[in-house]
Amino acid sequence: MKPQIWRCRRCKSIVDMALKKCKCETSPSPWELVKVKKSKNEVIRIGDYVEIIKPEIFIRVGYNLTTQDILDNHITTEQRQLLNALIVSTGFNTDTKGYFLEGKSKDISELEKTFARLILRAKGWGGRERKVHTKLDPNLLNTVGKVISKKYVKTGLYNHATSHQGYFDDYAEYEPAYLENEKTVIIYEIAVNNNTYWAEYIEFPESSVVKISNEDYNEIIEKTPTPSFW
């Protein structure tokens, strides 16, 4: 594994990780990871063949909680009853078991989602960390495929925008929101060959795949058991 190199966003100096200091001696908040270039043979491009060495399927990038998480796990029985009572007070006819059921109207669904988003904001989206969320599928380990497309996502710790104006300052100093320890992660869409007849299109983070040669790909495919349909 290649060593990580950090640079301060303020003074632009390389951080001495042994002393945990840069030239301006600020805290780690403005430090950013310097991207270490891969060798030509390691770079994965669209059309290349890869092997899945870490079968973690990409789900999303973001904070710990989502609106759906709130809907599924964080709305209490009391809150459901209060919302249902609010809906009944409008004259809308609801089921006696409550409105959190399939078949509810679009307006009620939107009210439910709005309420969930309020809870989500109150919980701070589950924390400041923006990260890649994945799902493990052991069946995909050591399978091979072809890179169809790729995209870039950002991870890190979210910091709010700040402003400060001294007594003798004419204007406030403004620092926009940013991601502390920001990193760029490549997400590859791969046509994974589970057999010799079809491929399944799945997204993986870059840490899950390694580039292989065309010869190695063909050799692995030849050894893949042919499925039987009858």
C-alpha atoms as a PDB file:
ATOM      1  CA  MET A   1       0.000   0.000   0.000  1.00  0.00           C
ATOM      2  CA  LYS A   2       1.361   3.410  -0.980  1.00  0.00           C
ATOM      3  CA  PRO A   3       1.972   5.935   1.848  1.00  0.00           C
ATOM      4  CA  GLN A   4      -0.540   8.766   2.231  1.00  0.00           C
ATOM      5  CA  ILE A   5       0.713  12.321   1.835  1.00  0.00           C
ATOM      6  CA  TRP A   6      -1.167  15.278   3.350  1.00  0.00           C
ATOM      7  CA  ARG A   7      -0.946  18.966   2.414  1.00  0.00           C
ATOM      8  CA  CYS A   8      -2.259  22.018   4.286  1.00  0.00           C
ATOM      9  CA  ARG A   9      -4.867  23.941   2.282  1.00  0.00           C
ATOM     10  CA  ARG A  10      -3.788  27.218   3.905  1.00  0.00           C
ATOM     11  CA  CYS A  11       0.013  27.250   3.700  1.00  0.00           C
ATOM     12  CA  LYS A  12       0.259  24.585   0.932  1.00  0.00           C
ATOM     13  CA  SER A  13       3.077  22.781   2.765  1.00  0.00           C
ATOM     14  CA  ILE A  14       3.403  19.011   3.123  1.00  0.00           C
ATOM     15  CA  VAL A  15       2.315  17.905   6.596  1.00  0.00           C
ATOM     16  CA  ASP A  16       4.895  16.225   8.814  1.00  0.00           C
ATOM     17  CA  MET A  17       2.740  13.300   9.965  1.00  0.00           C
ATOM     18  CA  ALA A  18       5.276  12.323  12.636  1.00  0.00           C
ATOM     19  CA  LEU A  19       4.861  15.717  14.339  1.00  0.00           C
ATOM     20  CA  LYS A  20       1.299  16.249  13.087  1.00  0.00           C
ATOM     21  CA  LYS A  21       2.269  19.760  11.978  1.00  0.00           C
ATOM     22  CA  CYS A  22       2.447  21.872   8.839  1.00  0.00           C
ATOM     23  CA  LYS A  23       4.380  25.134   8.388  1.00  0.00           C
ATOM     24  CA  CYS A  24       1.522  27.294   9.653  1.00  0.00           C
ATOM     25  CA  GLU A  25       0.891  24.832  12.511  1.00  0.00           C
ATOM     26  CA  THR A  26      -2.878  24.777  12.064  1.00  0.00           C
ATOM     27  CA  SER A  27      -5.169  21.971  13.169  1.00  0.00           C
ATOM     28  CA  PRO A  28      -5.884  19.031  10.830  1.00  0.00           C
ATOM     29  CA  SER A  29      -9.129  20.659   9.571  1.00  0.00           C
ATOM     30  CA  PRO A  30      -7.558  22.353   6.498  1.00  0.00           C
ATOM     31  CA  TRP A  31      -5.376  19.375   5.572  1.00  0.00           C
ATOM     32  CA  GLU A  32      -6.151  17.452   2.410  1.00  0.00           C
ATOM     33  CA  LEU A  33      -4.892  14.169   1.047  1.00  0.00           C
ATOM     34  CA  VAL A  34      -2.499  14.500  -1.881  1.00  0.00           C
ATOM     35  CA  LYS A  35      -3.393  12.082  -4.628  1.00  0.00           C
ATOM     36  CA  VAL A  36      -0.528   9.693  -5.344  1.00  0.00           C
ATOM     37  CA  LYS A  37      -0.409   8.891  -9.032  1.00  0.00           C
ATOM     38  CA  LYS A  38      -0.802   5.279 -10.042  1.00  0.00           C
ATOM     39  CA  SER A  39       1.551   3.662 -12.501  1.00  0.00           C
ATOM     40  CA  LYS A  40       0.332   3.302 -16.069  1.00  0.00           C
ATOM     41  CA  ASN A  41      -0.391  -0.390 -15.553  1.00  0.00           C
ATOM     42  CA  GLU A  42      -2.482   0.272 -12.423  1.00  0.00           C
ATOM     43  CA  VAL A  43      -4.789   2.918 -13.893  1.00  0.00           C
ATOM     44  CA  ILE A  44      -8.231   1.487 -14.685  1.00  0.00           C
ATOM     45  CA  ARG A  45      -9.958   2.923 -17.750  1.00  0.00           C
ATOM     46  CA  ILE A  46     -13.318   2.356 -19.380  1.00  0.00           C
ATOM     47  CA  GLY A  47     -13.076  -0.846 -21.397  1.00  0.00           C
ATOM     48  CA  ASP A  48     -10.468  -2.456 -19.126  1.00  0.00           C
ATOM     49  CA  TYR A  49     -11.006  -5.839 -17.476  1.00  0.00           C
ATOM     50  CA  VAL A  50     -10.972  -6.155 -13.686  1.00  0.00           C
ATOM     51  CA  GLU A  51     -11.248  -8.766 -10.958  1.00  0.00           C
ATOM     52  CA  ILE A  52     -13.427  -8.253  -7.871  1.00  0.00           C
ATOM     53  CA  ILE A  53     -11.053  -8.658  -4.915  1.00  0.00           C
ATOM     54  CA  LYS A  54     -13.363  -7.090  -2.327  1.00  0.00           C
ATOM     55  CA  PRO A  55     -17.023  -7.871  -3.073  1.00  0.00           C
ATOM     56  CA  GLU A  56     -18.527  -4.674  -1.654  1.00  0.00           C
ATOM     57  CA  ILE A  57     -21.280  -3.300  -3.908  1.00  0.00           C
ATOM     58  CA  PHE A  58     -21.636   0.480  -3.996  1.00  0.00           C
ATOM     59  CA  ILE A  59     -25.000   1.642  -2.585  1.00  0.00           C
ATOM     60  CA  ARG A  60     -24.640   5.395  -2.147  1.00  0.00           C
ATOM     61  CA  VAL A  61     -22.349   8.149  -0.907  1.00  0.00           C
ATOM     62  CA  GLY A  62     -23.529  10.418   1.882  1.00  0.00           C
ATOM     63  CA  TYR A  63     -24.138  10.712   5.598  1.00  0.00           C
ATOM     64  CA  ASN A  64     -25.201   7.943   7.968  1.00  0.00           C
ATOM     65  CA  LEU A  65     -28.955   8.547   7.874  1.00  0.00           C
ATOM     66  CA  THR A  66     -31.364   9.009   4.970  1.00  0.00           C
ATOM     67  CA  THR A  67     -35.036   9.896   4.783  1.00  0.00           C
ATOM     68  CA  GLN A  68     -35.845   6.230   4.218  1.00  0.00           C
ATOM     69  CA  ASP A  69     -33.870   5.238   7.340  1.00  0.00           C
ATOM     70  CA  ILE A  70     -36.020   7.657   9.362  1.00  0.00           C
ATOM     71  CA  LEU A  71     -39.230   6.298   7.845  1.00  0.00           C
ATOM     72  CA  ASP A  72     -38.232   2.712   8.561  1.00  0.00           C
ATOM     73  CA  ASN A  73     -36.620   2.971  11.987  1.00  0.00           C
ATOM     74  CA  HIS A  74     -36.844   6.359  13.685  1.00  0.00           C
ATOM     75  CA  ILE A  75     -40.526   7.365  13.793  1.00  0.00           C
ATOM     76  CA  THR A  76     -41.999   6.423  17.161  1.00  0.00           C
ATOM     77  CA  THR A  77     -45.453   4.974  17.788  1.00  0.00           C
ATOM     78  CA  GLU A  78     -46.490   8.208  19.502  1.00  0.00           C
ATOM     79  CA  GLN A  79     -45.363  10.284  16.530  1.00  0.00           C
ATOM     80  CA  ARG A  80     -47.305   8.026  14.172  1.00  0.00           C
ATOM     81  CA  GLN A  81     -50.433   8.427  16.282  1.00  0.00           C
ATOM     82  CA  LEU A  82     -50.049  12.213  16.386  1.00  0.00           C
ATOM     83  CA  LEU A  83     -49.600  12.411  12.629  1.00  0.00           C
ATOM     84  CA  ASN A  84     -52.577  10.173  12.083  1.00  0.00           C
ATOM     85  CA  ALA A  85     -54.684  12.374  14.397  1.00  0.00           C
ATOM     86  CA  LEU A  86     -53.564  15.444  12.452  1.00  0.00           C
ATOM     87  CA  ILE A  87     -54.681  13.850   9.192  1.00  0.00           C
ATOM     88  CA  VAL A  88     -58.019  12.796  10.679  1.00  0.00           C
ATOM     89  CA  SER A  89     -58.593  16.384  11.849  1.00  0.00           C
ATOM     90  CA  THR A  90     -58.617  17.484   8.192  1.00  0.00           C
ATOM     91  CA  GLY A  91     -61.575  15.233   7.482  1.00  0.00           C
ATOM     92  CA  PHE A  92     -59.526  12.724   5.510  1.00  0.00           C
ATOM     93  CA  ASN A  93     -60.794   9.169   6.036  1.00  0.00           C
ATOM     94  CA  THR A  94     -57.929   6.968   7.306  1.00  0.00           C
ATOM     95  CA  ASP A  95     -57.716   3.322   8.255  1.00  0.00           C
ATOM     96  CA  THR A  96     -58.161   2.609  11.965  1.00  0.00           C
ATOM     97  CA  LYS A  97     -54.642   1.121  12.034  1.00  0.00           C
ATOM     98  CA  GLY A  98     -53.132   4.440  11.005  1.00  0.00           C
ATOM     99  CA  TYR A  99     -52.016   5.981   7.741  1.00  0.00           C
ATOM    100  CA  PHE A 100     -48.535   4.388   7.672  1.00  0.00           C
ATOM    101  CA  LEU A 101     -49.823   1.713   5.312  1.00  0.00           C
ATOM    102  CA  GLU A 102     -49.510   0.867   1.656  1.00  0.00           C
ATOM    103  CA  GLY A 103     -52.083   2.523  -0.557  1.00  0.00           C
ATOM    104  CA  LYS A 104     -52.043   5.918   1.175  1.00  0.00           C
ATOM    105  CA  SER A 105     -52.595   8.990  -0.959  1.00  0.00           C
ATOM    106  CA  LYS A 106     -49.769  10.977  -2.520  1.00  0.00           C
ATOM    107  CA  ASP A 107     -50.465  13.941  -0.226  1.00  0.00           C
ATOM    108  CA  ILE A 108     -50.131  11.769   2.887  1.00  0.00           C
ATOM    109  CA  SER A 109     -46.927  10.209   1.561  1.00  0.00           C
ATOM    110  CA  GLU A 110     -45.452  13.687   1.051  1.00  0.00           C
ATOM    111  CA  LEU A 111     -46.473  14.700   4.590  1.00  0.00           C
ATOM    112  CA  GLU A 112     -44.803  11.566   5.947  1.00  0.00           C
ATOM    113  CA  LYS A 113     -41.589  12.308   4.033  1.00  0.00           C
ATOM    114  CA  THR A 114     -41.572  15.947   5.140  1.00  0.00           C
ATOM    115  CA  PHE A 115     -41.911  14.879   8.764  1.00  0.00           C
ATOM    116  CA  ALA A 116     -39.096  12.353   8.276  1.00  0.00           C
ATOM    117  CA  ARG A 117     -36.854  15.036   6.764  1.00  0.00           C
ATOM    118  CA  LEU A 118     -37.445  17.261   9.811  1.00  0.00           C
ATOM    119  CA  ILE A 119     -36.304  14.414  12.070  1.00  0.00           C
ATOM    120  CA  LEU A 120     -33.346  13.839   9.754  1.00  0.00           C
ATOM    121  CA  ARG A 121     -32.273  17.486  10.087  1.00  0.00           C
ATOM    122  CA  ALA A 122     -32.738  17.365  13.863  1.00  0.00           C
ATOM    123  CA  LYS A 123     -30.456  14.328  13.984  1.00  0.00           C
ATOM    124  CA  GLY A 124     -27.862  16.089  11.841  1.00  0.00           C
ATOM    125  CA  TRP A 125     -28.094  13.416   9.141  1.00  0.00           C
ATOM    126  CA  GLY A 126     -26.569  10.961  11.603  1.00  0.00           C
ATOM    127  CA  GLY A 127     -23.229  12.753  11.900  1.00  0.00           C
ATOM    128  CA  ARG A 128     -20.725  14.857   9.963  1.00  0.00           C
ATOM    129  CA  GLU A 129     -19.058  11.983   8.134  1.00  0.00           C
ATOM    130  CA  ARG A 130     -19.802  11.710   4.440  1.00  0.00           C
ATOM    131  CA  LYS A 131     -18.737   8.254   3.307  1.00  0.00           C
ATOM    132  CA  VAL A 132     -19.230   5.500   0.747  1.00  0.00           C
ATOM    133  CA  HIS A 133     -21.893   2.998   1.781  1.00  0.00           C
ATOM    134  CA  THR A 134     -21.582  -0.545   0.454  1.00  0.00           C
ATOM    135  CA  LYS A 135     -23.217  -3.960   0.710  1.00  0.00           C
ATOM    136  CA  LEU A 136     -21.168  -7.155   0.939  1.00  0.00           C
ATOM    137  CA  ASP A 137     -21.916  -9.946  -1.546  1.00  0.00           C
ATOM    138  CA  PRO A 138     -19.462 -12.859  -1.020  1.00  0.00           C
ATOM    139  CA  ASN A 139     -20.714 -14.539  -4.221  1.00  0.00           C
ATOM    140  CA  LEU A 140     -18.944 -11.865  -6.270  1.00  0.00           C
ATOM    141  CA  LEU A 141     -15.485 -12.501  -4.833  1.00  0.00           C
ATOM    142  CA  ASN A 142     -12.903 -13.194  -7.588  1.00  0.00           C
ATOM    143  CA  THR A 143     -15.433 -12.740 -10.378  1.00  0.00           C
ATOM    144  CA  VAL A 144     -14.288 -10.704 -13.371  1.00  0.00           C
ATOM    145  CA  GLY A 145     -15.858  -8.094 -15.588  1.00  0.00           C
ATOM    146  CA  LYS A 146     -15.432  -5.155 -17.924  1.00  0.00           C
ATOM    147  CA  VAL A 147     -15.503  -1.493 -16.879  1.00  0.00           C
ATOM    148  CA  ILE A 148     -18.482   0.220 -18.535  1.00  0.00           C
ATOM    149  CA  SER A 149     -18.308   3.658 -16.894  1.00  0.00           C
ATOM    150  CA  LYS A 150     -16.928   5.478 -13.877  1.00  0.00           C
ATOM    151  CA  LYS A 151     -17.798   8.438 -11.675  1.00  0.00           C
ATOM    152  CA  TYR A 152     -16.191  10.378  -8.840  1.00  0.00           C
ATOM    153  CA  VAL A 153     -17.614  10.967  -5.359  1.00  0.00           C
ATOM    154  CA  LYS A 154     -16.320  12.959  -2.387  1.00  0.00           C
ATOM    155  CA  THR A 155     -15.941  11.774   1.212  1.00  0.00           C
ATOM    156  CA  GLY A 156     -14.847  13.541   4.394  1.00  0.00           C
ATOM    157  CA  LEU A 157     -16.116  15.342   7.501  1.00  0.00           C
ATOM    158  CA  TYR A 158     -18.556  18.167   6.782  1.00  0.00           C
ATOM    159  CA  ASN A 159     -17.756  21.583   8.248  1.00  0.00           C
ATOM    160  CA  HIS A 160     -20.314  24.400   8.161  1.00  0.00           C
ATOM    161  CA  ALA A 161     -19.560  27.735   6.547  1.00  0.00           C
ATOM    162  CA  THR A 162     -18.272  30.325   9.020  1.00  0.00           C
ATOM    163  CA  SER A 163     -17.875  34.092   9.078  1.00  0.00           C
ATOM    164  CA  HIS A 164     -16.085  36.441  11.447  1.00  0.00           C
ATOM    165  CA  GLN A 165     -15.754  40.202  11.564  1.00  0.00           C
ATOM    166  CA  GLY A 166     -13.411  41.954  13.961  1.00  0.00           C
ATOM    167  CA  TYR A 167     -14.246  45.296  15.540  1.00  0.00           C
ATOM    168  CA  PHE A 168     -11.898  47.181  13.206  1.00  0.00           C
ATOM    169  CA  ASP A 169     -12.624  45.087  10.080  1.00  0.00           C
ATOM    170  CA  ASP A 170     -14.593  46.646   7.226  1.00  0.00           C
ATOM    171  CA  TYR A 171     -15.860  43.307   5.976  1.00  0.00           C
ATOM    172  CA  ALA A 172     -16.524  39.910   7.507  1.00  0.00           C
ATOM    173  CA  GLU A 173     -14.150  37.100   6.676  1.00  0.00           C
ATOM    174  CA  TYR A 174     -16.105  34.234   5.180  1.00  0.00           C
ATOM    175  CA  GLU A 175     -14.991  30.617   4.900  1.00  0.00           C
ATOM    176  CA  PRO A 176     -17.315  28.397   2.846  1.00  0.00           C
ATOM    177  CA  ALA A 177     -18.438  24.959   3.948  1.00  0.00           C
ATOM    178  CA  TYR A 178     -15.932  22.235   3.165  1.00  0.00           C
ATOM    179  CA  LEU A 179     -15.111  18.585   3.746  1.00  0.00           C
ATOM    180  CA  GLU A 180     -12.332  17.985   6.236  1.00  0.00           C
ATOM    181  CA  ASN A 181      -9.891  15.286   5.107  1.00  0.00           C
ATOM    182  CA  GLU A 182     -11.613  15.330   1.733  1.00  0.00           C
ATOM    183  CA  LYS A 183     -10.983  12.330  -0.492  1.00  0.00           C
ATOM    184  CA  THR A 184     -12.089  11.497  -4.019  1.00  0.00           C
ATOM    185  CA  VAL A 185     -13.294   7.929  -4.562  1.00  0.00           C
ATOM    186  CA  ILE A 186     -13.773   6.422  -8.013  1.00  0.00           C
ATOM    187  CA  ILE A 187     -16.902   4.311  -8.499  1.00  0.00           C
ATOM    188  CA  TYR A 188     -16.762   1.851 -11.407  1.00  0.00           C
ATOM    189  CA  GLU A 189     -19.775   0.400 -13.178  1.00  0.00           C
ATOM    190  CA  ILE A 190     -18.742  -3.102 -14.165  1.00  0.00           C
ATOM    191  CA  ALA A 191     -20.360  -5.720 -16.360  1.00  0.00           C
ATOM    192  CA  VAL A 192     -19.663  -8.652 -14.051  1.00  0.00           C
ATOM    193  CA  ASN A 193     -19.482 -12.055 -15.725  1.00  0.00           C
ATOM    194  CA  ASN A 194     -21.071 -14.577 -13.387  1.00  0.00           C
ATOM    195  CA  ASN A 195     -21.110 -17.072 -16.246  1.00  0.00           C
ATOM    196  CA  THR A 196     -20.361 -17.155 -19.961  1.00  0.00           C
ATOM    197  CA  TYR A 197     -23.863 -16.193 -21.153  1.00  0.00           C
ATOM    198  CA  TRP A 198     -24.719 -12.857 -19.537  1.00  0.00           C
ATOM    199  CA  ALA A 199     -23.283 -10.056 -17.422  1.00  0.00           C
ATOM    200  CA  GLU A 200     -24.749  -8.145 -14.502  1.00  0.00           C
ATOM    201  CA  TYR A 201     -24.107  -4.409 -14.260  1.00  0.00           C
ATOM    202  CA  ILE A 202     -22.917  -3.530 -10.742  1.00  0.00           C
ATOM    203  CA  GLU A 203     -21.098  -0.536  -9.220  1.00  0.00           C
ATOM    204  CA  PHE A 204     -18.004  -0.988  -7.046  1.00  0.00           C
ATOM    205  CA  PRO A 205     -15.660   1.470  -5.284  1.00  0.00           C
ATOM    206  CA  GLU A 206     -12.103   1.496  -6.605  1.00  0.00           C
ATOM    207  CA  SER A 207     -10.793  -0.424  -3.565  1.00  0.00           C
ATOM    208  CA  SER A 208     -12.901  -3.429  -4.596  1.00  0.00           C
ATOM    209  CA  VAL A 209     -11.338  -4.077  -7.984  1.00  0.00           C
ATOM    210  CA  VAL A 210      -7.939  -4.654  -9.553  1.00  0.00           C
ATOM    211  CA  LYS A 211      -7.005  -4.414 -13.217  1.00  0.00           C
ATOM    212  CA  ILE A 212      -6.236  -7.639 -15.088  1.00  0.00           C
ATOM    213  CA  SER A 213      -4.981  -8.315 -18.602  1.00  0.00           C
ATOM    214  CA  ASN A 214      -7.182  -9.428 -21.476  1.00  0.00           C
ATOM    215  CA  GLU A 215      -5.387 -12.780 -21.424  1.00  0.00           C
ATOM    216  CA  ASP A 216      -6.119 -13.329 -17.727  1.00  0.00           C
ATOM    217  CA  TYR A 217      -9.754 -12.339 -18.274  1.00  0.00           C
ATOM    218  CA  ASN A 218     -10.226 -14.811 -21.119  1.00  0.00           C
ATOM    219  CA  GLU A 219      -8.517 -17.572 -19.134  1.00  0.00           C
ATOM    220  CA  ILE A 220     -10.840 -17.025 -16.145  1.00  0.00           C
ATOM    221  CA  ILE A 221     -13.916 -16.932 -18.385  1.00  0.00           C
ATOM    222  CA  GLU A 222     -12.930 -20.205 -20.021  1.00  0.00           C
ATOM    223  CA  LYS A 223     -12.760 -21.836 -16.581  1.00  0.00           C
ATOM    224  CA  THR A 224     -16.163 -20.474 -15.536  1.00  0.00           C
ATOM    225  CA  PRO A 225     -18.764 -23.271 -15.377  1.00  0.00           C
ATOM    226  CA  THR A 226     -21.315 -23.093 -18.170  1.00  0.00           C
ATOM    227  CA  PRO A 227     -24.856 -22.807 -16.759  1.00  0.00           C
ATOM    228  CA  SER A 228     -27.487 -25.347 -17.653  1.00  0.00           C
ATOM    229  CA  PHE A 229     -30.970 -24.128 -18.607  1.00  0.00           C
ATOM    230  CA  TRP A 230     -32.557 -27.527 -19.078  1.00  0.00           C
END
